[in-house]
Amino acid sequence: MSTDGFVESNYARVVKLEISLPRLPEAFDGLTIAQLSDFHYDRFSIVPIRKAVELVNDLKPDVIALTGDFVTAPIFENASSLQLAAKTAGPCAEILSHLHSPIGSFAVLGNHDGAAGGAQIAAALRDHQITVLRNKSVPLERGAARLWFAGIDDALRGLPDLSAAIGKIPSNEPIILLAHEPDFADDASLSPIDLQLSGHSHGGQIWIPGIGAPWLPPMAREYPRGLYRVGDLTLYTNIGIGTIRAPIRINCPPEVTLITLRTRAR
């Protein structure tokens, strides 16, 4: 793998995996989910975002999950700088509106989105036909079978309410939770959630073999990348598309995840 961090940050890799969910109805066996995360729209991320959209469309998923941080909040937060950050949600959403799937795209906000102005960013996404799940859920139906996609507002800079998101879902129906911060899985695992999809960590942007990431953000230190089991919950942490502070990735290329759901391991 290239050690040129500027080059590596432009070329996404596709990670394919099968995840078995014991409560998944047979009608949803084989359902595919493309996950993208942490876009951080700016002049450096435009190319990797566009390339990721092309990769996803080539994969032809059934549904798309977008797990937050569409913009980058400034280091020094004030009304003017936050307003400028929030305005980048529109062009980011425009690129993401070119994602294609039969069911559509579901999104949650990340901590940078919450800091910059969650309502404005959610509106920009909705204006581009992206469904935003802020403490709410929606069912997918195939015949009499149902599978729920739920989402919470950001755990660090929003007002997350898991009870509001899943409280009306029948106890015997499976739930996929979109939550920006992966370490929220410690809380989510106490509820009847089958799968949590997260981002936030960027995989550290730099990953040193045998050591790991020199730095990881709060709420991404327990489960920074890849697949985990947290109690009865399965968690997947995507390492994102964009970058913050420096447009560099080393041993941590942008990621497009394609998940195939199974009723049992194969």
Protein backbone atom coordinates (compact mmCIF):
# COMPACT_ATOMS: atom_id res chain seq x y z
CA MET A 1 0.00 0.00 0.00
CA SER A 2 1.23 3.49 -0.85
CA THR A 3 2.86 5.48 1.91
CA ASP A 4 2.18 8.73 0.03
CA GLY A 5 -0.55 10.09 2.29
CA PHE A 6 -1.71 12.71 -0.19
CA VAL A 7 -2.16 10.13 -2.95
CA GLU A 8 -3.71 7.51 -0.69
CA SER A 9 -6.38 9.95 0.50
CA ASN A 10 -7.81 10.11 -3.03
CA TYR A 11 -8.35 6.40 -3.70
CA ALA A 12 -11.10 4.59 -1.86
CA ARG A 13 -11.03 0.85 -1.37
CA VAL A 14 -14.11 -1.35 -1.30
CA VAL A 15 -14.50 -3.53 1.79
CA LYS A 16 -17.00 -6.36 1.31
CA LEU A 17 -18.34 -8.42 4.16
CA GLU A 18 -21.27 -10.60 5.10
CA ILE A 19 -22.96 -10.04 8.45
CA SER A 20 -25.36 -12.61 9.83
CA LEU A 21 -28.21 -11.37 12.01
CA PRO A 22 -30.12 -14.11 13.82
CA ARG A 23 -33.36 -12.10 13.83
CA LEU A 24 -33.21 -11.20 10.13
CA PRO A 25 -36.28 -12.45 8.23
CA GLU A 26 -35.58 -14.75 5.29
CA ALA A 27 -37.10 -12.13 3.00
CA PHE A 28 -34.10 -9.86 3.68
CA ASP A 29 -31.40 -12.51 3.32
CA GLY A 30 -28.93 -11.11 0.80
CA LEU A 31 -29.92 -7.44 1.25
CA THR A 32 -26.91 -5.24 0.45
CA ILE A 33 -26.02 -1.99 2.23
CA ALA A 34 -23.36 0.41 0.98
CA GLN A 35 -21.95 2.51 3.81
CA LEU A 36 -20.10 5.80 3.40
CA SER A 37 -18.99 8.08 6.20
CA ASP A 38 -17.05 11.21 7.20
CA PHE A 39 -17.06 13.19 3.98
CA HIS A 40 -15.77 16.49 5.42
CA TYR A 41 -16.51 18.35 2.22
CA ASP A 42 -13.71 20.70 1.16
CA ARG A 43 -11.41 21.17 -1.82
CA PHE A 44 -9.41 18.09 -0.82
CA SER A 45 -12.35 15.73 -0.37
CA ILE A 46 -14.28 16.52 -3.57
CA VAL A 47 -12.29 13.97 -5.59
CA PRO A 48 -12.56 11.06 -3.11
CA ILE A 49 -16.27 11.74 -2.55
CA ARG A 50 -16.98 11.68 -6.28
CA LYS A 51 -14.94 8.50 -6.72
CA ALA A 52 -16.73 6.87 -3.80
CA VAL A 53 -20.11 7.67 -5.37
CA GLU A 54 -18.96 6.00 -8.60
CA LEU A 55 -17.78 2.93 -6.68
CA VAL A 56 -21.07 2.62 -4.83
CA ASN A 57 -23.11 2.90 -8.01
CA ASP A 58 -21.00 0.19 -9.63
CA LEU A 59 -21.76 -2.09 -6.65
CA LYS A 60 -25.54 -1.65 -7.13
CA PRO A 61 -26.53 -1.88 -3.43
CA ASP A 62 -30.12 -2.19 -2.25
CA VAL A 63 -29.81 0.68 0.22
CA ILE A 64 -27.19 3.26 1.21
CA ALA A 65 -26.19 4.35 4.74
CA LEU A 66 -24.40 7.68 5.26
CA THR A 67 -23.04 7.88 8.80
CA GLY A 68 -22.28 11.54 9.32
CA ASP A 69 -19.79 14.41 9.17
CA PHE A 70 -20.75 15.93 5.86
CA VAL A 71 -18.94 19.16 6.81
CA THR A 72 -15.96 20.15 8.94
CA ALA A 73 -16.47 22.40 11.93
CA PRO A 74 -13.71 25.01 12.30
CA ILE A 75 -11.09 24.80 15.03
CA PHE A 76 -12.08 28.24 16.27
CA GLU A 77 -15.85 28.23 16.43
CA ASN A 78 -17.71 31.50 16.00
CA ALA A 79 -20.93 32.45 14.24
CA SER A 80 -19.22 33.37 10.98
CA SER A 81 -16.93 30.33 10.73
CA LEU A 82 -19.74 27.94 11.66
CA GLN A 83 -22.02 29.48 9.05
CA LEU A 84 -19.37 29.00 6.37
CA ALA A 85 -18.92 25.37 7.41
CA ALA A 86 -22.66 24.69 7.31
CA LYS A 87 -22.91 26.07 3.77
CA THR A 88 -20.67 23.28 2.48
CA ALA A 89 -23.44 20.76 3.24
CA GLY A 90 -25.24 21.79 0.06
CA PRO A 91 -22.48 20.93 -2.42
CA CYS A 92 -21.68 17.76 -0.48
CA ALA A 93 -25.32 16.68 -0.61
CA GLU A 94 -25.44 17.48 -4.33
CA ILE A 95 -22.63 14.98 -5.01
CA LEU A 96 -24.24 12.38 -2.76
CA SER A 97 -27.59 12.84 -4.53
CA HIS A 98 -26.01 10.96 -7.45
CA LEU A 99 -25.92 7.77 -5.38
CA HIS A 100 -28.37 5.21 -6.76
CA SER A 101 -30.16 2.39 -4.99
CA PRO A 102 -33.69 0.96 -5.16
CA ILE A 103 -34.50 1.88 -1.56
CA GLY A 104 -32.57 5.14 -1.29
CA SER A 105 -30.12 6.77 1.11
CA PHE A 106 -30.47 7.10 4.88
CA ALA A 107 -28.25 9.50 6.84
CA VAL A 108 -27.39 10.59 10.34
CA LEU A 109 -25.44 13.65 11.43
CA GLY A 110 -21.96 13.61 12.94
CA ASN A 111 -20.29 15.76 15.57
CA HIS A 112 -18.96 18.26 13.02
CA ASP A 113 -22.45 18.57 11.56
CA GLY A 114 -23.92 19.13 14.99
CA ALA A 115 -21.35 21.80 15.78
CA ALA A 116 -21.77 23.63 12.48
CA GLY A 117 -25.57 23.60 12.50
CA GLY A 118 -27.43 20.33 12.46
CA ALA A 119 -30.78 21.72 11.29
CA GLN A 120 -29.24 23.45 8.27
CA ILE A 121 -27.21 20.41 7.30
CA ALA A 122 -30.17 18.05 7.71
CA ALA A 123 -32.23 20.38 5.50
CA ALA A 124 -29.55 20.36 2.79
CA LEU A 125 -29.56 16.56 2.78
CA ARG A 126 -33.35 16.36 2.63
CA ASP A 127 -33.38 18.88 -0.21
CA HIS A 128 -31.33 16.32 -2.18
CA GLN A 129 -33.71 13.41 -1.43
CA ILE A 130 -31.57 11.92 1.36
CA THR A 131 -33.61 10.72 4.34
CA VAL A 132 -32.20 12.01 7.63
CA LEU A 133 -32.84 9.88 10.71
CA ARG A 134 -32.59 12.15 13.76
CA ASN A 135 -33.98 10.05 16.61
CA LYS A 136 -36.38 8.27 14.28
CA SER A 137 -36.77 5.04 12.35
CA VAL A 138 -38.25 3.80 9.10
CA PRO A 139 -39.26 0.25 8.11
CA LEU A 140 -38.28 -1.68 5.02
CA GLU A 141 -41.01 -4.11 4.03
CA ARG A 142 -40.91 -7.27 1.96
CA GLY A 143 -44.26 -8.96 2.10
CA ALA A 144 -45.16 -9.38 5.77
CA ALA A 145 -41.50 -9.08 6.90
CA ARG A 146 -39.98 -5.86 8.18
CA LEU A 147 -36.46 -4.57 8.83
CA TRP A 148 -35.97 -1.20 10.51
CA PHE A 149 -33.38 1.49 9.89
CA ALA A 150 -33.05 3.79 12.88
CA GLY A 151 -30.79 6.75 13.53
CA ILE A 152 -29.83 8.96 16.44
CA ASP A 153 -28.78 12.57 16.57
CA ASP A 154 -25.07 12.95 17.17
CA ALA A 155 -23.92 11.66 20.56
CA LEU A 156 -21.30 14.39 21.06
CA ARG A 157 -22.82 17.55 19.59
CA GLY A 158 -26.49 16.71 19.23
CA LEU A 159 -29.43 15.51 21.32
CA PRO A 160 -29.47 11.72 20.87
CA ASP A 161 -32.60 9.93 22.00
CA LEU A 162 -32.41 6.21 21.37
CA SER A 163 -35.79 5.59 23.00
CA ALA A 164 -37.46 7.97 20.56
CA ALA A 165 -35.65 6.31 17.66
CA ILE A 166 -36.64 2.73 18.41
CA GLY A 167 -39.38 2.91 21.03
CA LYS A 168 -42.24 2.18 18.64
CA ILE A 169 -40.57 -0.76 16.88
CA PRO A 170 -42.10 -4.16 17.71
CA SER A 171 -39.75 -6.14 19.94
CA ASN A 172 -39.48 -9.07 17.52
CA GLU A 173 -38.41 -7.00 14.49
CA PRO A 174 -34.72 -6.43 13.66
CA ILE A 175 -33.09 -2.99 13.83
CA ILE A 176 -30.10 -1.48 12.08
CA LEU A 177 -28.93 1.63 13.92
CA LEU A 178 -26.97 4.44 12.28
CA ALA A 179 -24.91 6.22 14.94
CA HIS A 180 -21.93 8.38 14.03
CA GLU A 181 -19.75 7.51 17.03
CA PRO A 182 -18.87 3.79 17.25
CA ASP A 183 -18.40 3.75 21.01
CA PHE A 184 -22.11 4.47 21.35
CA ALA A 185 -22.40 0.71 20.84
CA ASP A 186 -21.85 0.26 24.58
CA ASP A 187 -25.21 1.99 25.12
CA ALA A 188 -26.92 0.59 22.03
CA SER A 189 -26.07 -2.98 23.04
CA LEU A 190 -28.39 -2.58 26.04
CA SER A 191 -31.34 -2.27 23.63
CA PRO A 192 -32.68 -4.80 21.08
CA ILE A 193 -30.51 -3.52 18.22
CA ASP A 194 -29.04 -6.05 15.83
CA LEU A 195 -26.47 -4.01 13.88
CA GLN A 196 -24.89 -0.60 14.40
CA LEU A 197 -23.14 1.22 11.56
CA SER A 198 -20.75 4.01 12.54
CA GLY A 199 -17.84 6.14 11.37
CA HIS A 200 -16.18 9.08 13.17
CA SER A 201 -12.72 7.61 13.73
CA HIS A 202 -11.23 8.04 10.22
CA GLY A 203 -9.19 5.05 11.40
CA GLY A 204 -6.95 7.74 12.86
CA GLN A 205 -6.03 8.78 9.26
CA ILE A 206 -2.62 7.30 10.06
CA TRP A 207 -2.38 3.65 11.07
CA ILE A 208 0.94 2.22 12.21
CA PRO A 209 1.15 -1.61 11.86
CA GLY A 210 1.49 -3.26 15.25
CA ILE A 211 0.72 -0.01 17.04
CA GLY A 212 -2.49 1.41 15.59
CA ALA A 213 -3.54 5.02 15.32
CA PRO A 214 -1.42 7.67 17.10
CA TRP A 215 -4.62 9.57 17.86
CA LEU A 216 -8.34 8.80 17.84
CA PRO A 217 -11.25 11.10 18.70
CA PRO A 218 -13.45 10.68 21.76
CA MET A 219 -16.07 7.95 21.35
CA ALA A 220 -13.98 6.16 18.71
CA ARG A 221 -11.28 4.71 20.94
CA GLU A 222 -12.87 1.39 21.87
CA TYR A 223 -14.01 0.39 18.38
CA PRO A 224 -11.94 2.43 15.87
CA ARG A 225 -12.24 0.33 12.67
CA GLY A 226 -13.84 -2.77 11.32
CA LEU A 227 -16.16 -5.39 12.75
CA TYR A 228 -16.92 -5.93 16.45
CA ARG A 229 -19.27 -7.85 18.67
CA VAL A 230 -20.60 -5.83 21.62
CA GLY A 231 -22.86 -8.07 23.65
CA ASP A 232 -25.56 -9.25 21.25
CA LEU A 233 -24.92 -6.28 18.97
CA THR A 234 -22.81 -6.38 15.81
CA LEU A 235 -20.92 -3.14 15.12
CA TYR A 236 -19.13 -2.00 11.99
CA THR A 237 -16.91 1.10 12.00
CA ASN A 238 -16.19 2.57 8.57
CA ILE A 239 -12.97 4.64 8.39
CA GLY A 240 -14.45 7.32 6.19
CA ILE A 241 -13.86 9.21 2.97
CA GLY A 242 -12.59 12.68 3.85
CA THR A 243 -9.96 14.05 6.20
CA ILE A 244 -9.65 16.82 8.77
CA ARG A 245 -6.82 19.16 9.73
CA ALA A 246 -4.44 17.59 7.17
CA PRO A 247 -5.50 15.91 3.88
CA ILE A 248 -3.38 12.84 4.59
CA ARG A 249 -4.12 9.14 5.04
CA ILE A 250 -1.41 6.53 5.61
CA ASN A 251 -2.35 2.83 5.76
CA CYS A 252 -5.88 4.16 6.07
CA PRO A 253 -7.38 4.68 2.58
CA PRO A 254 -10.90 6.03 2.15
CA GLU A 255 -13.46 3.27 2.50
CA VAL A 256 -16.63 2.18 0.76
CA THR A 257 -18.22 -0.69 2.67
CA LEU A 258 -20.58 -3.17 1.06
CA ILE A 259 -22.43 -5.27 3.62
CA THR A 260 -24.52 -8.27 2.66
CA LEU A 261 -27.00 -9.28 5.36
CA ARG A 262 -27.50 -12.96 6.05
CA THR A 263 -29.89 -14.86 8.26
CA ARG A 264 -27.04 -17.15 9.26
CA ALA A 265 -23.27 -17.40 8.76
CA ARG A 266 -22.13 -19.08 5.53
